Amino acid sequence: MTGKDGYFLAKRQLGESLAYRIEKYEAEAKRAEADGDVHKHIAAKSRVDELEKIRSYVRNVMLWDTDNDKN
């Protein structure tokens, strides 16, 4: 494995980790909403929003890096 391969593997693993955590907190938010726990629901949705911002940033960096590698 070259350094470039390791770099792309690390970015893919980061993306997968973020997706897993987003799903986890979305499920937590649904459970809290069903239980009527407004505070837990808001906290979980807030975590989801923050993780989605991070995931969006990571995707943008990945696209930028991929475009630069093609040149």
N, C-alpha and C. Protein backbone atom coordinates (compact mmCIF):
# COMPACT_ATOMS: atom_id res chain seq x y z
N MET A 1 0.85 -1.17 0.00
CA MET A 1 0.00 0.00 0.00
C MET A 1 0.89 1.23 0.00
N THR A 2 0.58 2.13 -0.90
CA THR A 2 1.34 3.38 -0.97
C THR A 2 0.76 4.40 0.00
N GLY A 3 1.46 5.49 0.15
CA GLY A 3 0.96 6.56 1.01
C GLY A 3 -0.36 7.11 0.52
N LYS A 4 -0.50 7.21 -0.80
CA LYS A 4 -1.74 7.73 -1.37
C LYS A 4 -2.90 6.77 -1.08
N ASP A 5 -2.65 5.45 -1.17
CA ASP A 5 -3.69 4.46 -0.88
C ASP A 5 -4.14 4.57 0.58
N GLY A 6 -3.19 4.72 1.47
CA GLY A 6 -3.51 4.86 2.88
C GLY A 6 -4.31 6.11 3.16
N TYR A 7 -3.99 7.18 2.45
CA TYR A 7 -4.71 8.45 2.59
C TYR A 7 -6.17 8.28 2.21
N PHE A 8 -6.43 7.64 1.06
CA PHE A 8 -7.80 7.46 0.60
C PHE A 8 -8.55 6.46 1.50
N LEU A 9 -7.86 5.45 2.00
CA LEU A 9 -8.47 4.50 2.91
C LEU A 9 -8.90 5.20 4.20
N ALA A 10 -8.05 6.06 4.71
CA ALA A 10 -8.38 6.80 5.94
C ALA A 10 -9.59 7.70 5.73
N LYS A 11 -9.66 8.36 4.59
CA LYS A 11 -10.80 9.24 4.31
C LYS A 11 -12.09 8.43 4.18
N ARG A 12 -12.01 7.25 3.54
CA ARG A 12 -13.20 6.40 3.42
C ARG A 12 -13.67 5.93 4.78
N GLN A 13 -12.73 5.52 5.63
CA GLN A 13 -13.09 5.06 6.97
C GLN A 13 -13.70 6.19 7.79
N LEU A 14 -13.21 7.40 7.63
CA LEU A 14 -13.79 8.55 8.32
C LEU A 14 -15.23 8.77 7.86
N GLY A 15 -15.45 8.70 6.57
CA GLY A 15 -16.81 8.86 6.04
C GLY A 15 -17.75 7.80 6.56
N GLU A 16 -17.29 6.54 6.62
CA GLU A 16 -18.11 5.45 7.14
C GLU A 16 -18.40 5.65 8.62
N SER A 17 -17.42 6.09 9.36
CA SER A 17 -17.59 6.33 10.79
C SER A 17 -18.62 7.43 11.04
N LEU A 18 -18.53 8.50 10.26
CA LEU A 18 -19.50 9.59 10.40
C LEU A 18 -20.90 9.11 10.06
N ALA A 19 -21.05 8.33 9.01
CA ALA A 19 -22.36 7.83 8.61
C ALA A 19 -22.95 6.95 9.72
N TYR A 20 -22.12 6.10 10.31
CA TYR A 20 -22.57 5.24 11.41
C TYR A 20 -23.06 6.07 12.59
N ARG A 21 -22.29 7.08 12.96
CA ARG A 21 -22.67 7.91 14.11
C ARG A 21 -23.92 8.72 13.82
N ILE A 22 -24.08 9.19 12.60
CA ILE A 22 -25.29 9.93 12.24
C ILE A 22 -26.51 9.02 12.38
N GLU A 23 -26.41 7.81 11.86
CA GLU A 23 -27.52 6.85 11.99
C GLU A 23 -27.84 6.57 13.45
N LYS A 24 -26.80 6.41 14.26
CA LYS A 24 -26.96 6.12 15.68
C LYS A 24 -27.73 7.25 16.37
N TYR A 25 -27.34 8.49 16.14
CA TYR A 25 -28.00 9.61 16.80
C TYR A 25 -29.39 9.89 16.22
N GLU A 26 -29.60 9.59 14.94
CA GLU A 26 -30.95 9.72 14.39
C GLU A 26 -31.89 8.73 15.06
N ALA A 27 -31.42 7.51 15.27
CA ALA A 27 -32.24 6.51 15.96
C ALA A 27 -32.50 6.94 17.41
N GLU A 28 -31.48 7.50 18.05
CA GLU A 28 -31.65 7.99 19.43
C GLU A 28 -32.68 9.11 19.47
N ALA A 29 -32.65 9.99 18.49
CA ALA A 29 -33.61 11.10 18.43
C ALA A 29 -35.04 10.57 18.25
N LYS A 30 -35.20 9.55 17.41
CA LYS A 30 -36.53 8.96 17.20
C LYS A 30 -37.04 8.30 18.47
N ARG A 31 -36.16 7.57 19.17
CA ARG A 31 -36.56 6.93 20.42
C ARG A 31 -36.97 7.98 21.45
N ALA A 32 -36.19 9.03 21.56
CA ALA A 32 -36.49 10.09 22.53
C ALA A 32 -37.81 10.77 22.18
N GLU A 33 -38.05 10.99 20.89
CA GLU A 33 -39.31 11.62 20.47
C GLU A 33 -40.49 10.71 20.82
N ALA A 34 -40.32 9.40 20.57
CA ALA A 34 -41.38 8.45 20.88
C ALA A 34 -41.64 8.38 22.39
N ASP A 35 -40.59 8.52 23.18
CA ASP A 35 -40.72 8.50 24.65
C ASP A 35 -41.20 9.83 25.21
N GLY A 36 -41.22 10.85 24.38
CA GLY A 36 -41.66 12.17 24.83
C GLY A 36 -40.58 12.96 25.55
N ASP A 37 -39.34 12.54 25.41
CA ASP A 37 -38.22 13.23 26.07
C ASP A 37 -37.67 14.31 25.12
N VAL A 38 -38.18 15.50 25.28
CA VAL A 38 -37.84 16.60 24.38
C VAL A 38 -36.36 16.96 24.45
N HIS A 39 -35.80 16.97 25.65
CA HIS A 39 -34.41 17.37 25.81
C HIS A 39 -33.45 16.39 25.11
N LYS A 40 -33.69 15.09 25.26
CA LYS A 40 -32.85 14.10 24.58
C LYS A 40 -33.02 14.19 23.07
N HIS A 41 -34.26 14.43 22.64
CA HIS A 41 -34.53 14.54 21.21
C HIS A 41 -33.76 15.71 20.61
N ILE A 42 -33.83 16.86 21.26
CA ILE A 42 -33.12 18.05 20.76
C ILE A 42 -31.61 17.84 20.77
N ALA A 43 -31.09 17.22 21.83
CA ALA A 43 -29.65 16.97 21.92
C ALA A 43 -29.20 16.04 20.80
N ALA A 44 -29.96 14.98 20.55
CA ALA A 44 -29.58 14.03 19.50
C ALA A 44 -29.66 14.68 18.12
N LYS A 45 -30.69 15.47 17.87
CA LYS A 45 -30.81 16.15 16.58
C LYS A 45 -29.68 17.15 16.39
N SER A 46 -29.27 17.79 17.47
CA SER A 46 -28.15 18.73 17.40
C SER A 46 -26.86 18.00 17.01
N ARG A 47 -26.65 16.82 17.60
CA ARG A 47 -25.47 16.01 17.25
C ARG A 47 -25.51 15.61 15.79
N VAL A 48 -26.69 15.21 15.32
CA VAL A 48 -26.84 14.82 13.91
C VAL A 48 -26.49 16.00 13.00
N ASP A 49 -27.00 17.18 13.33
CA ASP A 49 -26.71 18.37 12.52
C ASP A 49 -25.21 18.66 12.45
N GLU A 50 -24.55 18.58 13.60
CA GLU A 50 -23.10 18.84 13.63
C GLU A 50 -22.32 17.79 12.83
N LEU A 51 -22.70 16.52 12.98
CA LEU A 51 -22.01 15.46 12.24
C LEU A 51 -22.25 15.59 10.74
N GLU A 52 -23.44 16.01 10.35
CA GLU A 52 -23.70 16.21 8.92
C GLU A 52 -22.88 17.36 8.35
N LYS A 53 -22.65 18.40 9.15
CA LYS A 53 -21.78 19.49 8.71
C LYS A 53 -20.35 18.97 8.50
N ILE A 54 -19.89 18.16 9.43
CA ILE A 54 -18.54 17.59 9.32
C ILE A 54 -18.46 16.69 8.09
N ARG A 55 -19.48 15.85 7.89
CA ARG A 55 -19.49 14.94 6.75
C ARG A 55 -19.48 15.72 5.44
N SER A 56 -20.23 16.81 5.38
CA SER A 56 -20.25 17.65 4.19
C SER A 56 -18.87 18.23 3.92
N TYR A 57 -18.22 18.70 4.96
CA TYR A 57 -16.87 19.25 4.82
C TYR A 57 -15.90 18.17 4.31
N VAL A 58 -15.98 16.98 4.89
CA VAL A 58 -15.10 15.89 4.48
C VAL A 58 -15.34 15.54 3.02
N ARG A 59 -16.60 15.49 2.62
CA ARG A 59 -16.91 15.19 1.21
C ARG A 59 -16.32 16.24 0.28
N ASN A 60 -16.45 17.51 0.66
CA ASN A 60 -15.90 18.58 -0.17
C ASN A 60 -14.39 18.46 -0.30
N VAL A 61 -13.73 18.12 0.77
CA VAL A 61 -12.28 17.94 0.74
C VAL A 61 -11.93 16.74 -0.12
N MET A 62 -12.70 15.66 0.00
CA MET A 62 -12.44 14.46 -0.81
C MET A 62 -12.58 14.78 -2.29
N LEU A 63 -13.62 15.51 -2.66
CA LEU A 63 -13.82 15.85 -4.06
C LEU A 63 -12.69 16.73 -4.57
N TRP A 64 -12.28 17.69 -3.74
CA TRP A 64 -11.19 18.58 -4.13
C TRP A 64 -9.91 17.78 -4.33
N ASP A 65 -9.61 16.88 -3.40
CA ASP A 65 -8.40 16.06 -3.51
C ASP A 65 -8.45 15.17 -4.74
N THR A 66 -9.62 14.59 -5.02
CA THR A 66 -9.76 13.72 -6.18
C THR A 66 -9.55 14.50 -7.47
N ASP A 67 -10.11 15.70 -7.52
CA ASP A 67 -9.93 16.54 -8.72
C ASP A 67 -8.46 16.88 -8.92
N ASN A 68 -7.74 17.16 -7.85
CA ASN A 68 -6.32 17.50 -7.96
C ASN A 68 -5.49 16.30 -8.37
N ASP A 69 -5.89 15.10 -7.95
CA ASP A 69 -5.14 13.91 -8.32
C ASP A 69 -5.27 13.59 -9.80
N LYS A 70 -6.37 13.99 -10.42
CA LYS A 70 -6.58 13.72 -11.84
C LYS A 70 -5.71 14.61 -12.71
N ASN A 71 -5.34 15.76 -12.19
CA ASN A 71 -4.55 16.71 -12.99
C ASN A 71 -3.12 16.32 -13.08
